Amino acid sequence: MTIQKLDNLNPELVSWNDRMYQDHPTPYKGLAGMIEKARLRAVLDFANCQINDAVLEVGCEGGNLLNSLPSVRRIVGVDISLRALEDAQRQLQKQGRDLQLYQLDAQLPLPFTRNEFNVIICSEMLEHVENPRAVLENIHAISNKDTCIVVSVPLEDTKLFVKQILRNIGLFKLFFAGIEEGQSEGHLHAFSEKFLLDLTSGLFKPKLSKRIWGIHYVVLLEKEERYNEN
């Protein structure tokens, strides 16, 4: 299993994402861990992967979601952070899982063809990029009306409200140990349900959606028919 690196990467952007990945790891312990695991379960439920599916995760980080997939025909993970991809490589190799990994900037056209994937997942990634609409347009370019597309984002206002309550009653460090008290340094956008749906307008329409503890929003998307190529 090798990591394929595209040659159009911005070194400063790669370095920033490597630092964000190292300094602010996704929590999988305590209350925050329970919430993250619930989010992961919702994403996988919406994806409903089958054994013959080819699955792409855009923004695969350290591979926790990919490693939770059921048996499928093909697994591909992409991320701009080389450190994250190296962790994903180690984790999935250890579990004996076969996959392909690409280091790339998902704000640029993806090196895949339309109809190549049955399932495309983009979970907790859009808030980390300067141009999330470009990421969605690139996902749109390689999908069709039958592609299962699952996106999730943190609901920043609710998340900050919960953090403030826990700080006020002195329980923040107990429940959210190691997590920033304010908005994450790595979050370039404060997402809401409306903001996400506005970004997907003209590209996708929502089929199903679910709030996770009021802190995450998971949505199953379908490609807009008027954009489907013949």
C-alpha atoms as a PDB file:
ATOM      1  CA  MET A   1       0.000   0.000   0.000  1.00  0.00           C
ATOM      2  CA  THR A   2       1.621   3.240  -1.143  1.00  0.00           C
ATOM      3  CA  ILE A   3       0.545   6.868  -0.883  1.00  0.00           C
ATOM      4  CA  GLN A   4       0.218   8.451  -4.316  1.00  0.00           C
ATOM      5  CA  LYS A   5       1.134  12.133  -4.233  1.00  0.00           C
ATOM      6  CA  LEU A   6      -0.190  14.648  -6.737  1.00  0.00           C
ATOM      7  CA  ASP A   7       2.344  17.242  -7.871  1.00  0.00           C
ATOM      8  CA  ASN A   8       0.067  20.303  -7.674  1.00  0.00           C
ATOM      9  CA  LEU A   9       0.131  20.660  -3.885  1.00  0.00           C
ATOM     10  CA  ASN A  10       0.783  23.943  -2.076  1.00  0.00           C
ATOM     11  CA  PRO A  11       3.590  23.184   0.448  1.00  0.00           C
ATOM     12  CA  GLU A  12       2.328  25.800   2.908  1.00  0.00           C
ATOM     13  CA  LEU A  13      -1.182  24.329   2.811  1.00  0.00           C
ATOM     14  CA  VAL A  14       0.202  20.828   3.325  1.00  0.00           C
ATOM     15  CA  SER A  15       2.276  22.029   6.291  1.00  0.00           C
ATOM     16  CA  TRP A  16      -0.716  23.801   7.873  1.00  0.00           C
ATOM     17  CA  ASN A  17      -2.912  20.723   7.536  1.00  0.00           C
ATOM     18  CA  ASP A  18      -0.188  18.492   8.961  1.00  0.00           C
ATOM     19  CA  ARG A  19       0.033  20.805  11.968  1.00  0.00           C
ATOM     20  CA  MET A  20      -3.744  20.926  12.450  1.00  0.00           C
ATOM     21  CA  TYR A  21      -3.906  17.124  12.291  1.00  0.00           C
ATOM     22  CA  GLN A  22      -1.139  16.771  14.865  1.00  0.00           C
ATOM     23  CA  ASP A  23      -2.274  19.524  17.245  1.00  0.00           C
ATOM     24  CA  HIS A  24      -6.035  18.855  17.120  1.00  0.00           C
ATOM     25  CA  PRO A  25      -6.688  15.122  16.741  1.00  0.00           C
ATOM     26  CA  THR A  26     -10.270  13.914  16.425  1.00  0.00           C
ATOM     27  CA  PRO A  27     -11.330  12.809  19.938  1.00  0.00           C
ATOM     28  CA  TYR A  28     -12.357   9.185  20.427  1.00  0.00           C
ATOM     29  CA  LYS A  29     -12.436   9.122  24.244  1.00  0.00           C
ATOM     30  CA  GLY A  30     -14.863  10.408  26.881  1.00  0.00           C
ATOM     31  CA  LEU A  31     -18.071  12.254  26.010  1.00  0.00           C
ATOM     32  CA  ALA A  32     -16.495  13.807  22.926  1.00  0.00           C
ATOM     33  CA  GLY A  33     -15.512  10.323  21.803  1.00  0.00           C
ATOM     34  CA  MET A  34     -19.072   9.069  22.264  1.00  0.00           C
ATOM     35  CA  ILE A  35     -20.334  11.897  20.069  1.00  0.00           C
ATOM     36  CA  GLU A  36     -17.723  11.193  17.390  1.00  0.00           C
ATOM     37  CA  LYS A  37     -18.569   7.491  17.360  1.00  0.00           C
ATOM     38  CA  ALA A  38     -22.272   8.313  17.019  1.00  0.00           C
ATOM     39  CA  ARG A  39     -21.435  10.584  14.093  1.00  0.00           C
ATOM     40  CA  LEU A  40     -19.382   7.825  12.470  1.00  0.00           C
ATOM     41  CA  ARG A  41     -22.249   5.326  12.880  1.00  0.00           C
ATOM     42  CA  ALA A  42     -24.701   7.747  11.260  1.00  0.00           C
ATOM     43  CA  VAL A  43     -22.374   8.310   8.307  1.00  0.00           C
ATOM     44  CA  LEU A  44     -21.953   4.564   7.793  1.00  0.00           C
ATOM     45  CA  ASP A  45     -25.710   3.982   8.129  1.00  0.00           C
ATOM     46  CA  PHE A  46     -26.423   6.559   5.420  1.00  0.00           C
ATOM     47  CA  ALA A  47     -23.639   5.169   3.212  1.00  0.00           C
ATOM     48  CA  ASN A  48     -25.120   1.648   3.489  1.00  0.00           C
ATOM     49  CA  CYS A  49     -22.055   0.141   1.810  1.00  0.00           C
ATOM     50  CA  GLN A  50     -22.469  -3.174   0.001  1.00  0.00           C
ATOM     51  CA  ILE A  51     -19.837  -5.797  -0.793  1.00  0.00           C
ATOM     52  CA  ASN A  52     -19.552  -4.783  -4.473  1.00  0.00           C
ATOM     53  CA  ASP A  53     -19.243  -1.051  -3.772  1.00  0.00           C
ATOM     54  CA  ALA A  54     -16.250   1.148  -4.517  1.00  0.00           C
ATOM     55  CA  VAL A  55     -15.965   3.717  -1.708  1.00  0.00           C
ATOM     56  CA  LEU A  56     -14.119   7.055  -1.708  1.00  0.00           C
ATOM     57  CA  GLU A  57     -13.582   9.175   1.393  1.00  0.00           C
ATOM     58  CA  VAL A  58     -12.614  12.782   0.719  1.00  0.00           C
ATOM     59  CA  GLY A  59     -10.681  13.964   3.762  1.00  0.00           C
ATOM     60  CA  CYS A  60      -9.963  10.551   5.254  1.00  0.00           C
ATOM     61  CA  GLU A  61      -7.654  11.855   8.000  1.00  0.00           C
ATOM     62  CA  GLY A  62      -6.121   8.943   9.958  1.00  0.00           C
ATOM     63  CA  GLY A  63      -8.431   6.326   8.485  1.00  0.00           C
ATOM     64  CA  ASN A  64     -10.823   5.714  11.390  1.00  0.00           C
ATOM     65  CA  LEU A  65     -13.916   5.830   9.198  1.00  0.00           C
ATOM     66  CA  LEU A  66     -12.350   3.802   6.383  1.00  0.00           C
ATOM     67  CA  ASN A  67     -11.301   1.159   8.884  1.00  0.00           C
ATOM     68  CA  SER A  68     -14.918   0.940  10.076  1.00  0.00           C
ATOM     69  CA  LEU A  69     -16.299   0.148   6.625  1.00  0.00           C
ATOM     70  CA  PRO A  70     -17.762  -3.306   6.035  1.00  0.00           C
ATOM     71  CA  SER A  71     -16.186  -5.507   3.357  1.00  0.00           C
ATOM     72  CA  VAL A  72     -16.387  -3.684   0.030  1.00  0.00           C
ATOM     73  CA  ARG A  73     -14.837  -4.103  -3.413  1.00  0.00           C
ATOM     74  CA  ARG A  74     -12.574  -1.044  -3.263  1.00  0.00           C
ATOM     75  CA  ILE A  75     -11.539   1.559  -0.690  1.00  0.00           C
ATOM     76  CA  VAL A  76      -9.887   4.877  -1.600  1.00  0.00           C
ATOM     77  CA  GLY A  77      -8.923   7.610   0.847  1.00  0.00           C
ATOM     78  CA  VAL A  78      -7.671  11.096  -0.007  1.00  0.00           C
ATOM     79  CA  ASP A  79      -6.308  13.835   2.225  1.00  0.00           C
ATOM     80  CA  ILE A  80      -3.907  16.748   1.934  1.00  0.00           C
ATOM     81  CA  SER A  81      -2.109  15.874   5.181  1.00  0.00           C
ATOM     82  CA  LEU A  82       0.712  13.396   4.643  1.00  0.00           C
ATOM     83  CA  ARG A  83       0.867  12.729   8.387  1.00  0.00           C
ATOM     84  CA  ALA A  84      -2.798  11.767   8.381  1.00  0.00           C
ATOM     85  CA  LEU A  85      -2.354   9.508   5.369  1.00  0.00           C
ATOM     86  CA  GLU A  86       0.636   7.794   6.961  1.00  0.00           C
ATOM     87  CA  ASP A  87      -1.484   7.087  10.048  1.00  0.00           C
ATOM     88  CA  ALA A  88      -4.271   5.747   7.827  1.00  0.00           C
ATOM     89  CA  GLN A  89      -1.771   3.569   6.009  1.00  0.00           C
ATOM     90  CA  ARG A  90      -0.436   2.104   9.271  1.00  0.00           C
ATOM     91  CA  GLN A  91      -3.870   1.577  10.784  1.00  0.00           C
ATOM     92  CA  LEU A  92      -5.413  -0.194   7.812  1.00  0.00           C
ATOM     93  CA  GLN A  93      -2.320  -2.253   7.043  1.00  0.00           C
ATOM     94  CA  LYS A  94      -2.369  -3.439  10.644  1.00  0.00           C
ATOM     95  CA  GLN A  95      -5.966  -4.572  10.147  1.00  0.00           C
ATOM     96  CA  GLY A  96      -5.077  -6.267   6.871  1.00  0.00           C
ATOM     97  CA  ARG A  97      -7.283  -3.983   4.793  1.00  0.00           C
ATOM     98  CA  ASP A  98      -6.466  -3.182   1.186  1.00  0.00           C
ATOM     99  CA  LEU A  99      -6.916   0.400   0.030  1.00  0.00           C
ATOM    100  CA  GLN A 100      -5.509   3.185  -2.124  1.00  0.00           C
ATOM    101  CA  LEU A 101      -4.373   6.488  -0.623  1.00  0.00           C
ATOM    102  CA  TYR A 102      -3.832   9.805  -2.405  1.00  0.00           C
ATOM    103  CA  GLN A 103      -2.296  13.005  -1.081  1.00  0.00           C
ATOM    104  CA  LEU A 104      -4.164  15.794  -2.840  1.00  0.00           C
ATOM    105  CA  ASP A 105      -6.031  19.063  -2.421  1.00  0.00           C
ATOM    106  CA  ALA A 106      -9.732  18.284  -2.865  1.00  0.00           C
ATOM    107  CA  GLN A 107     -10.351  21.921  -3.805  1.00  0.00           C
ATOM    108  CA  LEU A 108      -8.713  20.987  -7.125  1.00  0.00           C
ATOM    109  CA  PRO A 109     -10.152  18.503  -9.644  1.00  0.00           C
ATOM    110  CA  LEU A 110     -10.020  14.934  -8.365  1.00  0.00           C
ATOM    111  CA  PRO A 111      -8.055  12.289 -10.335  1.00  0.00           C
ATOM    112  CA  PHE A 112     -11.057   9.993 -10.729  1.00  0.00           C
ATOM    113  CA  THR A 113     -13.723   9.424 -13.352  1.00  0.00           C
ATOM    114  CA  ARG A 114     -17.479   9.688 -13.173  1.00  0.00           C
ATOM    115  CA  ASN A 115     -19.109   6.393 -12.150  1.00  0.00           C
ATOM    116  CA  GLU A 116     -15.848   5.188 -10.565  1.00  0.00           C
ATOM    117  CA  PHE A 117     -17.387   5.132  -7.063  1.00  0.00           C
ATOM    118  CA  ASN A 118     -20.716   3.904  -5.722  1.00  0.00           C
ATOM    119  CA  VAL A 119     -20.249   5.736  -2.417  1.00  0.00           C
ATOM    120  CA  ILE A 120     -18.486   9.045  -1.722  1.00  0.00           C
ATOM    121  CA  ILE A 121     -18.069  10.238   1.874  1.00  0.00           C
ATOM    122  CA  CYS A 122     -16.909  13.682   2.984  1.00  0.00           C
ATOM    123  CA  SER A 123     -17.174  13.788   6.768  1.00  0.00           C
ATOM    124  CA  GLU A 124     -15.946  16.666   8.965  1.00  0.00           C
ATOM    125  CA  MET A 125     -13.742  18.004   6.187  1.00  0.00           C
ATOM    126  CA  LEU A 126     -15.479  20.968   4.531  1.00  0.00           C
ATOM    127  CA  GLU A 127     -14.962  23.255   7.532  1.00  0.00           C
ATOM    128  CA  HIS A 128     -11.183  22.867   7.126  1.00  0.00           C
ATOM    129  CA  VAL A 129     -10.868  24.187   3.564  1.00  0.00           C
ATOM    130  CA  GLU A 130     -10.950  27.727   2.226  1.00  0.00           C
ATOM    131  CA  ASN A 131     -13.341  26.849  -0.609  1.00  0.00           C
ATOM    132  CA  PRO A 132     -15.783  24.099   0.436  1.00  0.00           C
ATOM    133  CA  ARG A 133     -17.974  24.760  -2.619  1.00  0.00           C
ATOM    134  CA  ALA A 134     -15.042  23.721  -4.843  1.00  0.00           C
ATOM    135  CA  VAL A 135     -14.779  20.417  -2.963  1.00  0.00           C
ATOM    136  CA  LEU A 136     -18.481  19.767  -3.525  1.00  0.00           C
ATOM    137  CA  GLU A 137     -18.186  20.680  -7.209  1.00  0.00           C
ATOM    138  CA  ASN A 138     -15.324  18.198  -7.578  1.00  0.00           C
ATOM    139  CA  ILE A 139     -17.372  15.475  -5.881  1.00  0.00           C
ATOM    140  CA  HIS A 140     -20.239  16.380  -8.209  1.00  0.00           C
ATOM    141  CA  ALA A 141     -17.955  15.939 -11.235  1.00  0.00           C
ATOM    142  CA  ILE A 142     -17.226  12.274 -10.409  1.00  0.00           C
ATOM    143  CA  SER A 143     -20.719  11.271  -9.277  1.00  0.00           C
ATOM    144  CA  ASN A 144     -23.990  10.366 -10.965  1.00  0.00           C
ATOM    145  CA  LYS A 145     -27.621  10.221  -9.855  1.00  0.00           C
ATOM    146  CA  ASP A 146     -27.083   6.778  -8.304  1.00  0.00           C
ATOM    147  CA  THR A 147     -23.956   7.675  -6.330  1.00  0.00           C
ATOM    148  CA  CYS A 148     -24.512   7.609  -2.572  1.00  0.00           C
ATOM    149  CA  ILE A 149     -22.974  10.825  -1.238  1.00  0.00           C
ATOM    150  CA  VAL A 150     -22.726  11.379   2.515  1.00  0.00           C
ATOM    151  CA  VAL A 151     -21.510  14.652   3.996  1.00  0.00           C
ATOM    152  CA  SER A 152     -21.199  15.680   7.626  1.00  0.00           C
ATOM    153  CA  VAL A 153     -20.183  18.942   9.283  1.00  0.00           C
ATOM    154  CA  PRO A 154     -19.951  20.226  12.858  1.00  0.00           C
ATOM    155  CA  LEU A 155     -22.709  22.629  13.891  1.00  0.00           C
ATOM    156  CA  GLU A 156     -20.421  25.307  15.229  1.00  0.00           C
ATOM    157  CA  ASP A 157     -22.887  27.511  17.135  1.00  0.00           C
ATOM    158  CA  THR A 158     -24.351  24.559  19.038  1.00  0.00           C
ATOM    159  CA  LYS A 159     -20.901  23.165  19.700  1.00  0.00           C
ATOM    160  CA  LEU A 160     -19.687  26.480  21.120  1.00  0.00           C
ATOM    161  CA  PHE A 161     -22.848  26.800  23.241  1.00  0.00           C
ATOM    162  CA  VAL A 162     -22.292  23.367  24.791  1.00  0.00           C
ATOM    163  CA  LYS A 163     -18.652  24.206  25.439  1.00  0.00           C
ATOM    164  CA  GLN A 164     -19.662  27.445  27.173  1.00  0.00           C
ATOM    165  CA  ILE A 165     -22.138  25.655  29.452  1.00  0.00           C
ATOM    166  CA  LEU A 166     -19.537  23.068  30.434  1.00  0.00           C
ATOM    167  CA  ARG A 167     -17.002  25.821  31.130  1.00  0.00           C
ATOM    168  CA  ASN A 168     -19.507  27.717  33.268  1.00  0.00           C
ATOM    169  CA  ILE A 169     -20.221  24.698  35.470  1.00  0.00           C
ATOM    170  CA  GLY A 170     -16.578  23.648  35.631  1.00  0.00           C
ATOM    171  CA  LEU A 171     -16.961  20.370  33.739  1.00  0.00           C
ATOM    172  CA  PHE A 172     -15.325  21.237  30.432  1.00  0.00           C
ATOM    173  CA  LYS A 173     -12.029  19.452  31.075  1.00  0.00           C
ATOM    174  CA  LEU A 174     -13.847  16.401  32.403  1.00  0.00           C
ATOM    175  CA  PHE A 175     -16.007  15.902  29.318  1.00  0.00           C
ATOM    176  CA  PHE A 176     -13.904  17.561  26.597  1.00  0.00           C
ATOM    177  CA  ALA A 177     -10.348  16.936  27.770  1.00  0.00           C
ATOM    178  CA  GLY A 178      -7.720  18.074  25.276  1.00  0.00           C
ATOM    179  CA  ILE A 179     -10.228  19.970  23.131  1.00  0.00           C
ATOM    180  CA  GLU A 180     -10.096  23.700  22.406  1.00  0.00           C
ATOM    181  CA  GLU A 181     -12.535  25.742  24.464  1.00  0.00           C
ATOM    182  CA  GLY A 182     -13.534  27.969  21.550  1.00  0.00           C
ATOM    183  CA  GLN A 183     -13.863  27.402  17.816  1.00  0.00           C
ATOM    184  CA  SER A 184     -11.201  25.038  16.545  1.00  0.00           C
ATOM    185  CA  GLU A 185      -8.120  26.651  15.069  1.00  0.00           C
ATOM    186  CA  GLY A 186      -8.524  24.365  12.073  1.00  0.00           C
ATOM    187  CA  HIS A 187     -12.122  25.382  11.326  1.00  0.00           C
ATOM    188  CA  LEU A 188     -12.108  28.056   8.633  1.00  0.00           C
ATOM    189  CA  HIS A 189     -15.924  28.166   8.512  1.00  0.00           C
ATOM    190  CA  ALA A 190     -18.680  28.032  11.134  1.00  0.00           C
ATOM    191  CA  PHE A 191     -21.136  25.580   9.607  1.00  0.00           C
ATOM    192  CA  SER A 192     -24.881  25.409  10.124  1.00  0.00           C
ATOM    193  CA  GLU A 193     -27.424  23.205   8.374  1.00  0.00           C
ATOM    194  CA  LYS A 194     -28.460  26.147   6.184  1.00  0.00           C
ATOM    195  CA  PHE A 195     -24.883  27.002   5.261  1.00  0.00           C
ATOM    196  CA  LEU A 196     -24.212  23.428   4.118  1.00  0.00           C
ATOM    197  CA  LEU A 197     -27.442  23.185   2.135  1.00  0.00           C
ATOM    198  CA  ASP A 198     -26.767  26.576   0.531  1.00  0.00           C
ATOM    199  CA  LEU A 199     -23.340  25.295  -0.538  1.00  0.00           C
ATOM    200  CA  THR A 200     -24.849  22.190  -2.113  1.00  0.00           C
ATOM    201  CA  SER A 201     -27.555  24.150  -3.952  1.00  0.00           C
ATOM    202  CA  GLY A 202     -27.554  23.453  -7.669  1.00  0.00           C
ATOM    203  CA  LEU A 203     -25.316  20.430  -7.202  1.00  0.00           C
ATOM    204  CA  PHE A 204     -27.137  18.069  -4.871  1.00  0.00           C
ATOM    205  CA  LYS A 205     -30.447  17.716  -3.090  1.00  0.00           C
ATOM    206  CA  PRO A 206     -30.808  16.230   0.407  1.00  0.00           C
ATOM    207  CA  LYS A 207     -32.510  12.844   0.733  1.00  0.00           C
ATOM    208  CA  LEU A 208     -31.998  12.144   4.446  1.00  0.00           C
ATOM    209  CA  SER A 209     -30.442  14.077   7.294  1.00  0.00           C
ATOM    210  CA  LYS A 210     -29.735  13.607  10.972  1.00  0.00           C
ATOM    211  CA  ARG A 211     -28.419  15.682  13.842  1.00  0.00           C
ATOM    212  CA  ILE A 212     -25.945  13.955  16.155  1.00  0.00           C
ATOM    213  CA  TRP A 213     -26.300  15.227  19.728  1.00  0.00           C
ATOM    214  CA  GLY A 214     -27.178  18.582  18.149  1.00  0.00           C
ATOM    215  CA  ILE A 215     -23.463  19.022  17.415  1.00  0.00           C
ATOM    216  CA  HIS A 216     -23.006  17.335  14.033  1.00  0.00           C
ATOM    217  CA  TYR A 217     -25.169  17.331  10.915  1.00  0.00           C
ATOM    218  CA  VAL A 218     -25.091  14.296   8.621  1.00  0.00           C
ATOM    219  CA  VAL A 219     -26.838  14.414   5.250  1.00  0.00           C
ATOM    220  CA  LEU A 220     -27.342  11.928   2.431  1.00  0.00           C
ATOM    221  CA  LEU A 221     -27.195  13.765  -0.891  1.00  0.00           C
ATOM    222  CA  GLU A 222     -28.379  12.982  -4.405  1.00  0.00           C
ATOM    223  CA  LYS A 223     -26.994  14.598  -7.526  1.00  0.00           C
ATOM    224  CA  GLU A 224     -29.381  17.157  -9.004  1.00  0.00           C
ATOM    225  CA  GLU A 225     -31.045  15.735 -12.127  1.00  0.00           C
ATOM    226  CA  ARG A 226     -30.544  18.883 -14.172  1.00  0.00           C
ATOM    227  CA  TYR A 227     -26.805  18.393 -13.765  1.00  0.00           C
ATOM    228  CA  ASN A 228     -26.740  14.717 -14.703  1.00  0.00           C
ATOM    229  CA  GLU A 229     -24.718  14.096 -17.827  1.00  0.00           C
ATOM    230  CA  ASN A 230     -26.123  11.892 -20.563  1.00  0.00           C
END
